[in-house]
Amino acid sequence: MPDVETASWPRRVLALVVDWAASTLVVIAVGGLDWYATSRLSGVAVLAVYVVESGLLTALAKGSFGQLLTGLRVVRMNGDPRPVSLLGALGRSVLIALVVPPLVFRPDGRGLHDLAVGSVTVPVRRAVTS
């Protein structure tokens, strides 16, 4: 897959903010607002929900909830049309949760999390109709 246009940083950050907000809402829905506000584990719970949500949806739908809403997809760098494997997608999500791997990236925009699983985050092109 030569000359792939990778997603812009603003869209990636927006997708992450959407994912984090959705994960927070899931934790609040399950544990309650009081537990979320007072528990020391609420942040860990949000992170765990994010990793599972992002990994599962990337393996099933080629992108996390936030990526799908912001028009991004995670595809295999080798051009294979199948989504990234479940193990690869979960590993990628864990690396993103560690924060540093996405911040160490190549000139083409692929971070260590993408390099580790052979993926790339790309914008979805809308079909132009005439």
N, C-alpha and C. Protein backbone atom coordinates (compact mmCIF):
# COMPACT_ATOMS: atom_id res chain seq x y z
N MET A 1 0.85 -1.18 0.00
CA MET A 1 0.00 0.00 0.00
C MET A 1 0.89 1.24 0.00
N PRO A 2 1.46 1.58 -1.13
CA PRO A 2 2.36 2.73 -1.20
C PRO A 2 1.60 4.05 -1.17
N ASP A 3 2.27 5.08 -0.68
CA ASP A 3 1.72 6.44 -0.67
C ASP A 3 0.32 6.53 -0.06
N VAL A 4 0.18 6.01 1.13
CA VAL A 4 -1.09 6.07 1.84
C VAL A 4 -1.19 7.41 2.56
N GLU A 5 -2.34 8.07 2.40
CA GLU A 5 -2.58 9.31 3.13
C GLU A 5 -3.05 8.96 4.53
N THR A 6 -2.24 9.31 5.52
CA THR A 6 -2.62 9.01 6.90
C THR A 6 -3.52 10.12 7.44
N ALA A 7 -4.25 9.79 8.49
CA ALA A 7 -5.17 10.74 9.10
C ALA A 7 -4.42 11.90 9.75
N SER A 8 -5.02 13.06 9.76
CA SER A 8 -4.41 14.23 10.38
C SER A 8 -4.46 14.12 11.90
N TRP A 9 -3.52 14.80 12.56
CA TRP A 9 -3.49 14.78 14.03
C TRP A 9 -4.75 15.36 14.65
N PRO A 10 -5.30 16.48 14.15
CA PRO A 10 -6.54 16.99 14.76
C PRO A 10 -7.69 15.98 14.72
N ARG A 11 -7.84 15.26 13.63
CA ARG A 11 -8.92 14.25 13.55
C ARG A 11 -8.65 13.09 14.48
N ARG A 12 -7.40 12.69 14.61
CA ARG A 12 -7.06 11.61 15.53
C ARG A 12 -7.35 12.00 16.97
N VAL A 13 -6.99 13.23 17.32
CA VAL A 13 -7.24 13.71 18.69
C VAL A 13 -8.74 13.82 18.93
N LEU A 14 -9.49 14.33 17.95
CA LEU A 14 -10.94 14.41 18.09
C LEU A 14 -11.55 13.02 18.29
N ALA A 15 -11.08 12.05 17.52
CA ALA A 15 -11.58 10.67 17.67
C ALA A 15 -11.28 10.14 19.07
N LEU A 16 -10.10 10.43 19.58
CA LEU A 16 -9.74 9.98 20.93
C LEU A 16 -10.61 10.65 21.99
N VAL A 17 -10.89 11.92 21.82
CA VAL A 17 -11.76 12.64 22.77
C VAL A 17 -13.16 12.03 22.75
N VAL A 18 -13.68 11.72 21.57
CA VAL A 18 -15.00 11.09 21.46
C VAL A 18 -14.99 9.72 22.14
N ASP A 19 -13.94 8.93 21.88
CA ASP A 19 -13.82 7.61 22.51
C ASP A 19 -13.76 7.73 24.02
N TRP A 20 -12.98 8.69 24.51
CA TRP A 20 -12.82 8.85 25.96
C TRP A 20 -14.14 9.28 26.60
N ALA A 21 -14.85 10.20 25.95
CA ALA A 21 -16.15 10.64 26.48
C ALA A 21 -17.14 9.48 26.50
N ALA A 22 -17.17 8.70 25.43
CA ALA A 22 -18.08 7.55 25.38
C ALA A 22 -17.72 6.52 26.45
N SER A 23 -16.44 6.28 26.64
CA SER A 23 -16.00 5.33 27.67
C SER A 23 -16.37 5.83 29.06
N THR A 24 -16.24 7.12 29.27
CA THR A 24 -16.63 7.71 30.55
C THR A 24 -18.12 7.54 30.80
N LEU A 25 -18.93 7.77 29.78
CA LEU A 25 -20.38 7.61 29.92
C LEU A 25 -20.75 6.15 30.21
N VAL A 26 -20.04 5.21 29.62
CA VAL A 26 -20.31 3.79 29.90
C VAL A 26 -20.00 3.49 31.36
N VAL A 27 -18.87 3.98 31.86
CA VAL A 27 -18.50 3.74 33.27
C VAL A 27 -19.52 4.38 34.20
N ILE A 28 -19.99 5.57 33.88
CA ILE A 28 -21.00 6.24 34.71
C ILE A 28 -22.31 5.45 34.67
N ALA A 29 -22.68 4.96 33.48
CA ALA A 29 -23.93 4.19 33.35
C ALA A 29 -23.88 2.89 34.16
N VAL A 30 -22.72 2.26 34.20
CA VAL A 30 -22.60 0.99 34.92
C VAL A 30 -22.37 1.21 36.41
N GLY A 31 -21.48 2.12 36.77
CA GLY A 31 -21.12 2.30 38.17
C GLY A 31 -21.85 3.39 38.90
N GLY A 32 -22.48 4.27 38.17
CA GLY A 32 -23.18 5.39 38.77
C GLY A 32 -22.29 6.62 38.86
N LEU A 33 -22.91 7.76 38.83
CA LEU A 33 -22.17 9.02 38.88
C LEU A 33 -21.43 9.20 40.20
N ASP A 34 -22.05 8.77 41.29
CA ASP A 34 -21.42 8.91 42.60
C ASP A 34 -20.13 8.08 42.66
N TRP A 35 -20.21 6.83 42.19
CA TRP A 35 -19.01 5.98 42.19
C TRP A 35 -17.93 6.58 41.30
N TYR A 36 -18.32 7.05 40.12
CA TYR A 36 -17.36 7.65 39.19
C TYR A 36 -16.66 8.85 39.84
N ALA A 37 -17.43 9.68 40.53
CA ALA A 37 -16.88 10.90 41.11
C ALA A 37 -16.01 10.63 42.34
N THR A 38 -16.24 9.53 43.05
CA THR A 38 -15.52 9.32 44.31
C THR A 38 -14.51 8.18 44.28
N SER A 39 -14.60 7.29 43.34
CA SER A 39 -13.72 6.12 43.34
C SER A 39 -12.35 6.43 42.73
N ARG A 40 -11.33 5.90 43.35
CA ARG A 40 -9.98 6.02 42.80
C ARG A 40 -9.82 5.16 41.55
N LEU A 41 -10.70 4.20 41.38
CA LEU A 41 -10.60 3.28 40.25
C LEU A 41 -11.38 3.73 39.02
N SER A 42 -12.08 4.85 39.11
CA SER A 42 -12.91 5.26 37.97
C SER A 42 -12.06 5.55 36.73
N GLY A 43 -10.90 6.14 36.91
CA GLY A 43 -10.03 6.42 35.77
C GLY A 43 -9.53 5.14 35.12
N VAL A 44 -9.20 4.16 35.94
CA VAL A 44 -8.76 2.85 35.42
C VAL A 44 -9.91 2.18 34.68
N ALA A 45 -11.11 2.31 35.21
CA ALA A 45 -12.28 1.72 34.56
C ALA A 45 -12.52 2.35 33.20
N VAL A 46 -12.39 3.67 33.10
CA VAL A 46 -12.57 4.36 31.81
C VAL A 46 -11.50 3.87 30.83
N LEU A 47 -10.27 3.76 31.28
CA LEU A 47 -9.19 3.28 30.43
C LEU A 47 -9.46 1.86 29.95
N ALA A 48 -9.92 0.99 30.84
CA ALA A 48 -10.23 -0.39 30.46
C ALA A 48 -11.36 -0.45 29.44
N VAL A 49 -12.40 0.35 29.65
CA VAL A 49 -13.51 0.39 28.69
C VAL A 49 -13.00 0.88 27.34
N TYR A 50 -12.14 1.90 27.35
CA TYR A 50 -11.58 2.42 26.10
C TYR A 50 -10.81 1.33 25.35
N VAL A 51 -9.93 0.62 26.06
CA VAL A 51 -9.11 -0.41 25.42
C VAL A 51 -9.99 -1.50 24.81
N VAL A 52 -10.99 -1.96 25.55
CA VAL A 52 -11.88 -3.01 25.04
C VAL A 52 -12.71 -2.49 23.87
N GLU A 53 -13.31 -1.32 24.03
CA GLU A 53 -14.15 -0.74 22.97
C GLU A 53 -13.33 -0.51 21.71
N SER A 54 -12.20 0.11 21.86
CA SER A 54 -11.36 0.43 20.71
C SER A 54 -10.86 -0.84 20.02
N GLY A 55 -10.41 -1.80 20.82
CA GLY A 55 -9.90 -3.04 20.24
C GLY A 55 -10.98 -3.83 19.52
N LEU A 56 -12.12 -4.02 20.17
CA LEU A 56 -13.19 -4.80 19.55
C LEU A 56 -13.73 -4.14 18.28
N LEU A 57 -14.00 -2.84 18.36
CA LEU A 57 -14.55 -2.17 17.17
C LEU A 57 -13.53 -2.07 16.04
N THR A 58 -12.26 -1.92 16.38
CA THR A 58 -11.24 -1.89 15.33
C THR A 58 -11.18 -3.24 14.61
N ALA A 59 -11.28 -4.32 15.39
CA ALA A 59 -11.25 -5.66 14.79
C ALA A 59 -12.53 -5.97 14.00
N LEU A 60 -13.64 -5.42 14.43
CA LEU A 60 -14.92 -5.73 13.77
C LEU A 60 -15.31 -4.73 12.68
N ALA A 61 -15.02 -3.45 12.90
CA ALA A 61 -15.53 -2.41 12.01
C ALA A 61 -14.45 -1.49 11.45
N LYS A 62 -13.18 -1.82 11.67
CA LYS A 62 -12.04 -1.04 11.18
C LYS A 62 -11.89 0.32 11.84
N GLY A 63 -12.37 0.46 13.06
CA GLY A 63 -12.16 1.71 13.76
C GLY A 63 -12.92 1.74 15.06
N SER A 64 -12.40 2.52 16.00
CA SER A 64 -13.09 2.71 17.27
C SER A 64 -14.34 3.56 17.05
N PHE A 65 -15.16 3.66 18.07
CA PHE A 65 -16.37 4.49 17.99
C PHE A 65 -16.03 5.90 17.54
N GLY A 66 -15.04 6.50 18.17
CA GLY A 66 -14.62 7.86 17.81
C GLY A 66 -14.08 7.96 16.39
N GLN A 67 -13.31 6.97 15.98
CA GLN A 67 -12.77 6.98 14.62
C GLN A 67 -13.89 6.85 13.60
N LEU A 68 -14.84 5.98 13.86
CA LEU A 68 -15.94 5.81 12.93
C LEU A 68 -16.75 7.09 12.80
N LEU A 69 -16.98 7.78 13.94
CA LEU A 69 -17.75 9.03 13.90
C LEU A 69 -17.01 10.17 13.21
N THR A 70 -15.69 10.16 13.29
CA THR A 70 -14.90 11.25 12.69
C THR A 70 -14.38 10.91 11.30
N GLY A 71 -14.85 9.81 10.74
CA GLY A 71 -14.47 9.47 9.37
C GLY A 71 -13.08 8.91 9.21
N LEU A 72 -12.61 8.19 10.21
CA LEU A 72 -11.30 7.55 10.13
C LEU A 72 -11.47 6.04 10.14
N ARG A 73 -10.51 5.33 9.57
CA ARG A 73 -10.51 3.88 9.59
C ARG A 73 -9.09 3.39 9.84
N VAL A 74 -8.99 2.24 10.49
CA VAL A 74 -7.71 1.57 10.69
C VAL A 74 -7.66 0.42 9.70
N VAL A 75 -6.69 0.46 8.80
CA VAL A 75 -6.57 -0.57 7.78
C VAL A 75 -5.19 -1.21 7.86
N ARG A 76 -5.09 -2.37 7.26
CA ARG A 76 -3.80 -3.06 7.21
C ARG A 76 -2.89 -2.36 6.21
N MET A 77 -1.64 -2.19 6.58
CA MET A 77 -0.69 -1.49 5.72
C MET A 77 -0.39 -2.28 4.45
N ASN A 78 -0.53 -3.61 4.51
CA ASN A 78 -0.19 -4.43 3.34
C ASN A 78 -1.30 -4.45 2.27
N GLY A 79 -2.39 -3.72 2.51
CA GLY A 79 -3.47 -3.63 1.52
C GLY A 79 -4.54 -4.69 1.67
N ASP A 80 -4.36 -5.63 2.58
CA ASP A 80 -5.37 -6.66 2.84
C ASP A 80 -6.66 -5.95 3.28
N PRO A 81 -7.79 -6.24 2.63
CA PRO A 81 -9.04 -5.52 2.97
C PRO A 81 -9.68 -5.92 4.30
N ARG A 82 -9.23 -7.03 4.89
CA ARG A 82 -9.81 -7.47 6.17
C ARG A 82 -9.40 -6.52 7.29
N PRO A 83 -10.23 -6.41 8.32
CA PRO A 83 -9.83 -5.60 9.48
C PRO A 83 -8.61 -6.21 10.17
N VAL A 84 -7.96 -5.42 11.00
CA VAL A 84 -6.85 -5.90 11.81
C VAL A 84 -7.39 -7.01 12.72
N SER A 85 -6.57 -8.01 13.01
CA SER A 85 -7.01 -9.13 13.85
C SER A 85 -7.39 -8.62 15.25
N LEU A 86 -8.18 -9.41 15.96
CA LEU A 86 -8.61 -9.02 17.30
C LEU A 86 -7.41 -8.84 18.22
N LEU A 87 -6.47 -9.77 18.19
CA LEU A 87 -5.29 -9.66 19.04
C LEU A 87 -4.47 -8.43 18.67
N GLY A 88 -4.31 -8.18 17.38
CA GLY A 88 -3.58 -7.00 16.93
C GLY A 88 -4.28 -5.71 17.33
N ALA A 89 -5.61 -5.69 17.18
CA ALA A 89 -6.38 -4.49 17.53
C ALA A 89 -6.33 -4.21 19.03
N LEU A 90 -6.44 -5.27 19.85
CA LEU A 90 -6.34 -5.07 21.30
C LEU A 90 -4.93 -4.62 21.69
N GLY A 91 -3.91 -5.21 21.08
CA GLY A 91 -2.54 -4.78 21.34
C GLY A 91 -2.32 -3.33 20.95
N ARG A 92 -2.87 -2.96 19.82
CA ARG A 92 -2.78 -1.57 19.35
C ARG A 92 -3.44 -0.62 20.35
N SER A 93 -4.60 -1.01 20.87
CA SER A 93 -5.32 -0.18 21.84
C SER A 93 -4.54 -0.05 23.15
N VAL A 94 -3.92 -1.14 23.59
CA VAL A 94 -3.11 -1.07 24.80
C VAL A 94 -1.93 -0.12 24.59
N LEU A 95 -1.30 -0.19 23.44
CA LEU A 95 -0.18 0.71 23.16
C LEU A 95 -0.63 2.17 23.13
N ILE A 96 -1.80 2.43 22.59
CA ILE A 96 -2.34 3.80 22.59
C ILE A 96 -2.58 4.25 24.03
N ALA A 97 -3.10 3.35 24.86
CA ALA A 97 -3.37 3.69 26.26
C ALA A 97 -2.09 4.02 27.02
N LEU A 98 -0.96 3.50 26.56
CA LEU A 98 0.32 3.82 27.20
C LEU A 98 0.82 5.22 26.84
N VAL A 99 0.16 5.89 25.92
CA VAL A 99 0.39 7.27 25.49
C VAL A 99 1.64 7.47 24.64
N VAL A 100 2.78 6.97 25.04
CA VAL A 100 4.02 7.25 24.33
C VAL A 100 4.06 6.68 22.91
N PRO A 101 3.64 5.42 22.67
CA PRO A 101 3.75 4.88 21.29
C PRO A 101 3.11 5.74 20.20
N PRO A 102 1.93 6.33 20.42
CA PRO A 102 1.39 7.19 19.35
C PRO A 102 2.19 8.48 19.14
N LEU A 103 2.93 8.90 20.16
CA LEU A 103 3.69 10.14 20.04
C LEU A 103 5.05 9.94 19.38
N VAL A 104 5.47 8.68 19.25
CA VAL A 104 6.70 8.35 18.54
C VAL A 104 6.26 7.82 17.19
N PHE A 105 6.46 8.62 16.14
CA PHE A 105 5.92 8.24 14.84
C PHE A 105 6.91 8.51 13.72
N ARG A 106 6.67 7.85 12.62
CA ARG A 106 7.48 8.01 11.41
C ARG A 106 7.00 9.24 10.64
N PRO A 107 7.78 9.68 9.67
CA PRO A 107 7.36 10.82 8.86
C PRO A 107 6.01 10.60 8.15
N ASP A 108 5.65 9.34 7.89
CA ASP A 108 4.37 9.08 7.22
C ASP A 108 3.18 9.13 8.18
N GLY A 109 3.42 9.41 9.48
CA GLY A 109 2.34 9.55 10.45
C GLY A 109 2.00 8.29 11.21
N ARG A 110 2.67 7.19 10.91
CA ARG A 110 2.38 5.93 11.61
C ARG A 110 3.18 5.88 12.91
N GLY A 111 2.45 5.73 14.03
CA GLY A 111 3.08 5.63 15.33
C GLY A 111 3.53 4.22 15.62
N LEU A 112 4.20 4.05 16.76
CA LEU A 112 4.67 2.72 17.14
C LEU A 112 3.53 1.73 17.28
N HIS A 113 2.36 2.20 17.69
CA HIS A 113 1.20 1.31 17.82
C HIS A 113 0.78 0.76 16.45
N ASP A 114 0.85 1.58 15.41
CA ASP A 114 0.53 1.10 14.06
C ASP A 114 1.65 0.22 13.51
N LEU A 115 2.88 0.61 13.75
CA LEU A 115 4.00 -0.19 13.27
C LEU A 115 4.00 -1.59 13.88
N ALA A 116 3.61 -1.69 15.16
CA ALA A 116 3.61 -2.97 15.86
C ALA A 116 2.64 -3.98 15.24
N VAL A 117 1.54 -3.50 14.69
CA VAL A 117 0.54 -4.43 14.14
C VAL A 117 0.39 -4.33 12.63
N GLY A 118 1.19 -3.49 11.98
CA GLY A 118 1.12 -3.36 10.53
C GLY A 118 -0.13 -2.66 10.05
N SER A 119 -0.56 -1.65 10.80
CA SER A 119 -1.78 -0.92 10.43
C SER A 119 -1.46 0.54 10.13
N VAL A 120 -2.47 1.23 9.63
CA VAL A 120 -2.37 2.66 9.37
C VAL A 120 -3.77 3.26 9.54
N THR A 121 -3.83 4.45 10.12
CA THR A 121 -5.11 5.15 10.29
C THR A 121 -5.27 6.12 9.13
N VAL A 122 -6.37 5.97 8.41
CA VAL A 122 -6.59 6.75 7.20
C VAL A 122 -7.95 7.44 7.24
N PRO A 123 -8.06 8.58 6.54
CA PRO A 123 -9.38 9.21 6.43
C PRO A 123 -10.21 8.47 5.38
N VAL A 124 -11.51 8.46 5.61
CA VAL A 124 -12.42 7.84 4.64
C VAL A 124 -12.76 8.90 3.60
N ARG A 125 -12.60 8.54 2.37
CA ARG A 125 -12.93 9.46 1.27
C ARG A 125 -14.40 9.31 0.94
N ARG A 126 -15.08 10.41 0.83
CA ARG A 126 -16.48 10.36 0.43
C ARG A 126 -16.56 10.25 -1.09
N ALA A 127 -17.47 9.43 -1.54
CA ALA A 127 -17.65 9.26 -2.99
C ALA A 127 -18.25 10.53 -3.57
N VAL A 128 -17.68 10.96 -4.67
CA VAL A 128 -18.17 12.15 -5.35
C VAL A 128 -19.13 11.71 -6.43
N THR A 129 -20.35 12.23 -6.37
CA THR A 129 -21.33 11.88 -7.39
C THR A 129 -21.54 13.07 -8.32
N SER A 130 -21.77 12.76 -9.58
CA SER A 130 -21.97 13.85 -10.54
C SER A 130 -23.37 13.90 -11.04
